[in-house]
Amino acid sequence: NMKKITYHKNKIKNITENGIQYTDNSGNLGFIDFEVCRENWTEYVNSSEDFNVTNLSIDETKCVGYRNITDNHPYIDFFTEPKIRFEFKFSLSCLFPKQAFIEMQARIIQVGWTTYDLS
């Protein structure tokens, strides 16, 4: 189960060290809490066979989700419950999806967090 949001820079209200305030596709205000994402990411890594890790501590990571710029529609998935995916699709409001993706990822890093690269 995943909530998908088509990226548009006007949908991002704020990105801080606490998280992302955004508007979803229906115009509702939402918040992605980075601390909750980090907890969920840690659980995911420890229980997944993909990482060969079972004892990652929450203090050892600043990861809040994963990203893929090489997908047909680049995306960033945040480990909320359910997950929230920002999809970067070409449109009049997003002429350069990969550039928008890079800018959002840079902003996440700027406020002290990161996402795992699937590309």
Protein backbone atom coordinates (compact mmCIF):
# COMPACT_ATOMS: atom_id res chain seq x y z
CA ASN A 1 0.00 0.00 0.00
CA MET A 2 1.48 3.31 -1.09
CA LYS A 3 0.25 6.88 -1.44
CA LYS A 4 1.51 8.37 -4.73
CA ILE A 5 1.91 12.11 -5.23
CA THR A 6 2.76 13.66 -8.57
CA TYR A 7 5.54 16.13 -7.89
CA HIS A 8 4.96 19.83 -8.44
CA LYS A 9 7.17 22.38 -6.67
CA ASN A 10 4.07 24.19 -5.36
CA LYS A 11 3.04 20.98 -3.56
CA ILE A 12 6.14 21.17 -1.36
CA LYS A 13 5.34 23.70 1.35
CA ASN A 14 8.45 23.21 3.45
CA ILE A 15 11.39 20.85 3.96
CA THR A 16 13.06 21.08 7.39
CA GLU A 17 15.10 18.79 9.62
CA ASN A 18 11.76 17.57 11.02
CA GLY A 19 10.26 16.55 7.68
CA ILE A 20 8.31 17.65 4.62
CA GLN A 21 5.07 19.60 4.67
CA TYR A 22 3.26 19.02 1.38
CA THR A 23 -0.06 19.09 -0.42
CA ASP A 24 -1.25 15.79 -1.92
CA ASN A 25 -2.96 15.24 -5.28
CA SER A 26 -6.35 16.05 -3.68
CA GLY A 27 -5.12 19.32 -2.18
CA ASN A 28 -4.92 18.01 1.40
CA LEU A 29 -2.05 19.14 3.60
CA GLY A 30 0.24 16.35 4.79
CA PHE A 31 3.46 15.89 6.72
CA ILE A 32 6.28 13.36 6.31
CA ASP A 33 8.01 12.95 9.67
CA PHE A 34 11.69 12.11 9.02
CA GLU A 35 12.17 10.59 12.50
CA VAL A 36 9.29 8.12 11.88
CA CYS A 37 10.73 7.35 8.41
CA ARG A 38 14.15 6.65 9.95
CA GLU A 39 12.60 4.25 12.51
CA ASN A 40 10.67 2.43 9.75
CA TRP A 41 13.77 2.34 7.51
CA THR A 42 15.84 0.78 10.33
CA GLU A 43 13.18 -1.90 10.87
CA TYR A 44 13.02 -2.55 7.11
CA VAL A 45 16.80 -2.96 6.76
CA ASN A 46 17.04 -5.24 9.78
CA SER A 47 14.22 -7.51 8.57
CA SER A 48 15.12 -7.51 4.84
CA GLU A 49 17.35 -10.07 3.16
CA ASP A 50 18.62 -7.40 0.74
CA PHE A 51 21.08 -5.72 3.09
CA ASN A 52 22.87 -8.48 5.00
CA VAL A 53 22.32 -6.47 8.20
CA THR A 54 20.21 -7.43 11.21
CA ASN A 55 21.48 -5.06 13.88
CA LEU A 56 21.38 -1.58 12.35
CA SER A 57 20.71 0.86 15.15
CA ILE A 58 18.50 3.90 14.59
CA ASP A 59 21.42 6.16 15.55
CA GLU A 60 23.56 4.70 12.76
CA THR A 61 21.40 5.94 9.90
CA LYS A 62 19.93 9.17 8.58
CA CYS A 63 18.05 7.35 5.83
CA VAL A 64 14.33 8.13 5.43
CA GLY A 65 13.49 6.19 2.25
CA TYR A 66 14.75 5.30 -1.16
CA ARG A 67 15.00 6.89 -4.59
CA ASN A 68 15.34 5.92 -8.24
CA ILE A 69 16.22 8.52 -10.89
CA THR A 70 16.51 5.93 -13.71
CA ASP A 71 12.86 4.81 -13.54
CA ASN A 72 10.50 6.01 -16.35
CA HIS A 73 9.07 8.31 -13.70
CA PRO A 74 11.86 9.08 -11.23
CA TYR A 75 10.61 8.76 -7.65
CA ILE A 76 11.46 9.18 -3.99
CA ASP A 77 9.71 6.84 -1.54
CA PHE A 78 9.45 7.88 2.09
CA PHE A 79 9.08 5.23 4.79
CA THR A 80 5.90 6.60 6.30
CA GLU A 81 2.99 4.27 7.03
CA PRO A 82 1.77 3.76 4.35
CA LYS A 83 4.77 4.75 2.23
CA ILE A 84 4.52 8.02 0.32
CA ARG A 85 5.99 8.19 -3.19
CA PHE A 86 6.74 11.46 -4.93
CA GLU A 87 6.75 10.76 -8.69
CA PHE A 88 8.56 13.17 -10.97
CA LYS A 89 6.65 13.16 -14.26
CA PHE A 90 7.02 15.46 -17.23
CA SER A 91 4.24 18.06 -17.33
CA LEU A 92 3.78 21.77 -17.84
CA SER A 93 4.39 22.23 -14.11
CA CYS A 94 7.45 19.92 -14.14
CA LEU A 95 9.33 20.39 -17.42
CA PHE A 96 12.55 18.82 -16.10
CA PRO A 97 11.59 15.87 -13.86
CA LYS A 98 15.16 14.69 -13.23
CA GLN A 99 16.25 18.21 -12.29
CA ALA A 100 13.30 18.50 -9.87
CA PHE A 101 14.23 15.09 -8.41
CA ILE A 102 17.86 16.19 -7.90
CA GLU A 103 16.77 19.46 -6.29
CA MET A 104 14.45 17.69 -3.84
CA GLN A 105 17.11 15.12 -2.95
CA ALA A 106 19.65 17.94 -2.42
CA ARG A 107 17.22 19.72 -0.09
CA ILE A 108 16.72 16.52 1.96
CA ILE A 109 20.51 16.20 2.31
CA GLN A 110 20.77 19.89 3.19
CA VAL A 111 18.51 19.43 6.23
CA GLY A 112 20.53 16.42 7.44
CA TRP A 113 18.87 13.31 5.96
CA THR A 114 19.33 10.98 2.99
CA THR A 115 17.58 8.34 0.87
CA TYR A 116 18.94 5.01 -0.36
CA ASP A 117 19.77 4.98 -4.07
CA LEU A 118 18.10 2.20 -6.11
CA SER A 119 19.35 3.51 -9.49
